[in-house]
Amino acid sequence: MKLLYISSSIIILLFFTSFNNSNVYICKGKGSKRYHYTKHCRGLSNCSTKVYEVKLSKAKALKRTLCGWED
């Protein structure tokens, strides 16, 4: 039973680690505050700069939050 608990904890930790390192998309425009799971999200339609692909951890470090169209 204890082994199962440890295995489950490791799986959960690996899941969150890989999720946090997944790629997201951001706009680097002056008022941009969100990140997006897809490059073609309608929240990126008004982006005044190029759309950049970054790691989710990087987007969060830039204080970005999830786009309202995708939550």
C-alpha atoms as a PDB file:
ATOM      1  CA  MET A   1       0.000   0.000   0.000  1.00  0.00           C
ATOM      2  CA  LYS A   2       2.829   2.400   0.857  1.00  0.00           C
ATOM      3  CA  LEU A   3       4.561   1.634  -2.455  1.00  0.00           C
ATOM      4  CA  LEU A   4       1.359   2.489  -4.331  1.00  0.00           C
ATOM      5  CA  TYR A   5       1.181   5.831  -2.489  1.00  0.00           C
ATOM      6  CA  ILE A   6       4.789   6.670  -3.399  1.00  0.00           C
ATOM      7  CA  SER A   7       4.224   5.668  -7.051  1.00  0.00           C
ATOM      8  CA  SER A   8       1.119   7.839  -7.263  1.00  0.00           C
ATOM      9  CA  SER A   9       3.001  10.791  -5.807  1.00  0.00           C
ATOM     10  CA  ILE A  10       5.786  10.401  -8.359  1.00  0.00           C
ATOM     11  CA  ILE A  11       3.301  10.191 -11.246  1.00  0.00           C
ATOM     12  CA  ILE A  12       1.506  13.326 -10.068  1.00  0.00           C
ATOM     13  CA  LEU A  13       4.798  15.179  -9.675  1.00  0.00           C
ATOM     14  CA  LEU A  14       5.923  14.162 -13.181  1.00  0.00           C
ATOM     15  CA  PHE A  15       2.574  15.231 -14.630  1.00  0.00           C
ATOM     16  CA  PHE A  16       2.770  18.718 -13.142  1.00  0.00           C
ATOM     17  CA  THR A  17       6.433  19.081 -14.080  1.00  0.00           C
ATOM     18  CA  SER A  18       5.749  18.202 -17.718  1.00  0.00           C
ATOM     19  CA  PHE A  19       2.633  20.391 -17.788  1.00  0.00           C
ATOM     20  CA  ASN A  20       4.578  23.379 -16.480  1.00  0.00           C
ATOM     21  CA  ASN A  21       7.153  22.891 -19.241  1.00  0.00           C
ATOM     22  CA  SER A  22       4.616  22.688 -22.063  1.00  0.00           C
ATOM     23  CA  ASN A  23       4.654  25.345 -24.761  1.00  0.00           C
ATOM     24  CA  VAL A  24       2.200  28.237 -24.833  1.00  0.00           C
ATOM     25  CA  TYR A  25       1.881  31.332 -26.994  1.00  0.00           C
ATOM     26  CA  ILE A  26       2.218  34.959 -25.995  1.00  0.00           C
ATOM     27  CA  CYS A  27       2.067  38.328 -27.674  1.00  0.00           C
ATOM     28  CA  LYS A  28       4.824  40.744 -26.698  1.00  0.00           C
ATOM     29  CA  GLY A  29       2.739  43.820 -27.402  1.00  0.00           C
ATOM     30  CA  LYS A  30       2.714  46.686 -24.906  1.00  0.00           C
ATOM     31  CA  GLY A  31      -0.535  45.727 -23.155  1.00  0.00           C
ATOM     32  CA  SER A  32      -0.270  41.941 -23.437  1.00  0.00           C
ATOM     33  CA  LYS A  33      -1.029  40.086 -20.202  1.00  0.00           C
ATOM     34  CA  ARG A  34      -2.150  36.588 -21.235  1.00  0.00           C
ATOM     35  CA  TYR A  35      -0.820  33.281 -22.489  1.00  0.00           C
ATOM     36  CA  HIS A  36      -2.610  30.963 -24.893  1.00  0.00           C
ATOM     37  CA  TYR A  37      -2.579  27.199 -25.409  1.00  0.00           C
ATOM     38  CA  THR A  38      -3.113  27.456 -29.171  1.00  0.00           C
ATOM     39  CA  LYS A  39      -1.434  29.741 -31.691  1.00  0.00           C
ATOM     40  CA  HIS A  40      -4.783  30.431 -33.342  1.00  0.00           C
ATOM     41  CA  CYS A  41      -6.671  31.490 -30.188  1.00  0.00           C
ATOM     42  CA  ARG A  42      -9.005  34.386 -30.869  1.00  0.00           C
ATOM     43  CA  GLY A  43      -7.392  36.198 -27.931  1.00  0.00           C
ATOM     44  CA  LEU A  44      -4.271  36.606 -30.081  1.00  0.00           C
ATOM     45  CA  SER A  45      -6.152  38.163 -33.005  1.00  0.00           C
ATOM     46  CA  ASN A  46      -5.330  41.722 -31.904  1.00  0.00           C
ATOM     47  CA  CYS A  47      -1.642  41.067 -31.295  1.00  0.00           C
ATOM     48  CA  SER A  48       0.375  43.988 -32.671  1.00  0.00           C
ATOM     49  CA  THR A  49       3.653  42.024 -32.698  1.00  0.00           C
ATOM     50  CA  LYS A  50       4.756  38.549 -33.641  1.00  0.00           C
ATOM     51  CA  VAL A  51       3.263  35.671 -31.617  1.00  0.00           C
ATOM     52  CA  TYR A  52       5.984  33.871 -29.630  1.00  0.00           C
ATOM     53  CA  GLU A  53       6.076  30.274 -28.449  1.00  0.00           C
ATOM     54  CA  VAL A  54       7.478  29.974 -24.911  1.00  0.00           C
ATOM     55  CA  LYS A  55       7.429  27.506 -22.033  1.00  0.00           C
ATOM     56  CA  LEU A  56       4.499  27.843 -19.653  1.00  0.00           C
ATOM     57  CA  SER A  57       6.922  28.476 -16.792  1.00  0.00           C
ATOM     58  CA  LYS A  58       8.401  31.438 -18.744  1.00  0.00           C
ATOM     59  CA  ALA A  59       4.924  32.884 -19.396  1.00  0.00           C
ATOM     60  CA  LYS A  60       4.107  32.636 -15.698  1.00  0.00           C
ATOM     61  CA  ALA A  61       7.446  34.249 -14.814  1.00  0.00           C
ATOM     62  CA  LEU A  62       6.369  37.146 -17.043  1.00  0.00           C
ATOM     63  CA  LYS A  63       3.215  37.404 -14.872  1.00  0.00           C
ATOM     64  CA  ARG A  64       0.963  36.206 -17.712  1.00  0.00           C
ATOM     65  CA  THR A  65      -2.364  34.559 -16.922  1.00  0.00           C
ATOM     66  CA  LEU A  66      -4.470  32.182 -19.013  1.00  0.00           C
ATOM     67  CA  CYS A  67      -6.539  33.769 -21.765  1.00  0.00           C
ATOM     68  CA  GLY A  68     -10.236  34.117 -20.922  1.00  0.00           C
ATOM     69  CA  TRP A  69     -11.234  32.347 -24.150  1.00  0.00           C
ATOM     70  CA  GLU A  70      -9.376  29.222 -23.060  1.00  0.00           C
ATOM     71  CA  ASP A  71     -10.193  28.790 -19.366  1.00  0.00           C
END
